[in-house]
Amino acid sequence: MVGKILAIAVSCVCIWSLVLAFADETQKSKKGEAEFNEHCVVCHPGGGNVINPQKTLHRKDLEANNIRTPDDILKIIRNPGPGMTKFDESVISDKDAREIAGYILDSFK
């Protein structure tokens, strides 16, 4: 009987941990989306690019330009090429920039 109760308790803890992890990821995604909408959507509506249509935020274009990780996107946010606004840490923190990067990689496939 004690073994069954212990097994149920362990299962509940595991399930609760998964729920909390999913909730945390959902919050990050919403934060990334909000930051993207505040700073990026004007030039990148729907993951496109109104300045340079060959450099969208869709996976095939990102990969064609050797952009595969959140760090790659962070580098561009901090030191973009011609036509893109530079965002330093006083405008977008590293944490928020990484959330934007995660949102981009998850959203525009």
Protein backbone atom coordinates (compact mmCIF):
# COMPACT_ATOMS: atom_id res chain seq x y z
CA MET A 1 0.00 0.00 0.00
CA VAL A 2 2.79 2.44 0.91
CA GLY A 3 4.54 1.57 -2.36
CA LYS A 4 1.41 2.45 -4.38
CA ILE A 5 1.00 5.75 -2.56
CA LEU A 6 4.65 6.58 -3.13
CA ALA A 7 4.35 5.68 -6.84
CA ILE A 8 1.28 7.91 -7.19
CA ALA A 9 3.04 10.77 -5.40
CA VAL A 10 6.10 10.46 -7.66
CA SER A 11 3.84 10.39 -10.74
CA CYS A 12 2.05 13.53 -9.57
CA VAL A 13 5.34 15.34 -9.02
CA CYS A 14 6.53 14.34 -12.51
CA ILE A 15 3.30 15.49 -14.14
CA TRP A 16 3.34 18.77 -12.21
CA SER A 17 6.94 19.37 -13.32
CA LEU A 18 5.94 18.88 -16.96
CA VAL A 19 3.01 21.27 -16.57
CA LEU A 20 5.26 23.94 -15.05
CA ALA A 21 7.89 23.46 -17.77
CA PHE A 22 5.25 23.81 -20.49
CA ALA A 23 3.81 26.92 -18.82
CA ASP A 24 7.30 28.46 -18.65
CA GLU A 25 7.90 27.77 -22.37
CA THR A 26 4.50 29.26 -23.21
CA GLN A 27 5.36 32.41 -21.25
CA LYS A 28 8.71 32.69 -23.05
CA SER A 29 6.99 32.29 -26.40
CA LYS A 30 4.48 35.01 -25.55
CA LYS A 31 7.26 37.30 -24.34
CA GLY A 32 9.24 36.67 -27.53
CA GLU A 33 6.17 37.33 -29.65
CA ALA A 34 5.41 40.55 -27.75
CA GLU A 35 9.00 41.79 -28.13
CA PHE A 36 8.98 40.83 -31.83
CA ASN A 37 5.73 42.75 -32.33
CA GLU A 38 7.17 45.78 -30.55
CA HIS A 39 10.53 45.95 -32.32
CA CYS A 40 10.51 43.81 -35.48
CA VAL A 41 7.09 43.35 -37.04
CA VAL A 42 7.15 46.67 -38.92
CA CYS A 43 9.89 45.37 -41.22
CA HIS A 44 9.20 41.63 -40.80
CA PRO A 45 5.40 41.16 -40.99
CA GLY A 46 4.55 37.48 -41.09
CA GLY A 47 8.25 36.68 -41.06
CA GLY A 48 8.82 38.50 -44.33
CA ASN A 49 11.19 41.37 -45.00
CA VAL A 50 9.89 44.63 -46.49
CA ILE A 51 13.44 45.95 -47.07
CA ASN A 52 15.05 42.86 -48.62
CA PRO A 53 12.56 40.14 -49.67
CA GLN A 54 15.40 37.61 -50.10
CA LYS A 55 16.22 37.82 -46.39
CA THR A 56 13.02 36.74 -44.70
CA LEU A 57 12.81 35.13 -41.28
CA HIS A 58 11.62 31.85 -42.75
CA ARG A 59 13.87 28.89 -42.02
CA LYS A 60 15.03 28.34 -45.63
CA ASP A 61 16.19 31.95 -45.95
CA LEU A 62 17.75 32.01 -42.48
CA GLU A 63 19.70 28.83 -43.24
CA ALA A 64 20.74 30.16 -46.66
CA ASN A 65 22.29 33.08 -44.76
CA ASN A 66 23.95 30.82 -42.12
CA ILE A 67 21.49 31.82 -39.41
CA ARG A 68 20.56 28.73 -37.42
CA THR A 69 20.69 29.53 -33.71
CA PRO A 70 19.42 32.17 -31.29
CA ASP A 71 23.02 33.42 -31.01
CA ASP A 72 23.13 33.95 -34.78
CA ILE A 73 19.99 36.08 -34.57
CA LEU A 74 21.32 37.98 -31.55
CA LYS A 75 24.45 38.91 -33.53
CA ILE A 76 22.29 40.35 -36.29
CA ILE A 77 20.10 42.26 -33.85
CA ARG A 78 23.26 43.82 -32.41
CA ASN A 79 25.16 44.33 -35.67
CA PRO A 80 22.81 44.15 -38.67
CA GLY A 81 23.59 44.63 -42.30
CA PRO A 82 22.46 47.51 -44.49
CA GLY A 83 18.80 48.46 -44.16
CA MET A 84 18.16 47.02 -40.69
CA THR A 85 17.96 49.04 -37.51
CA LYS A 86 20.66 48.27 -34.94
CA PHE A 87 19.25 47.37 -31.52
CA ASP A 88 21.73 47.65 -28.66
CA GLU A 89 21.17 46.44 -25.10
CA SER A 90 19.64 49.76 -24.06
CA VAL A 91 16.76 49.06 -26.47
CA ILE A 92 16.49 45.24 -26.32
CA SER A 93 18.14 43.33 -23.48
CA ASP A 94 20.07 40.15 -24.29
CA LYS A 95 17.34 38.16 -22.54
CA ASP A 96 14.59 39.75 -24.62
CA ALA A 97 16.67 39.43 -27.81
CA ARG A 98 17.05 35.69 -27.14
CA GLU A 99 13.30 35.41 -26.63
CA ILE A 100 12.75 37.19 -29.95
CA ALA A 101 15.22 34.77 -31.55
CA GLY A 102 13.40 31.77 -30.09
CA TYR A 103 10.09 33.14 -31.32
CA ILE A 104 11.52 33.62 -34.83
CA LEU A 105 12.99 30.11 -34.98
CA ASP A 106 9.75 28.55 -33.69
CA SER A 107 7.31 30.62 -35.72
CA PHE A 108 8.56 31.12 -39.25
CA LYS A 109 9.27 27.68 -40.68
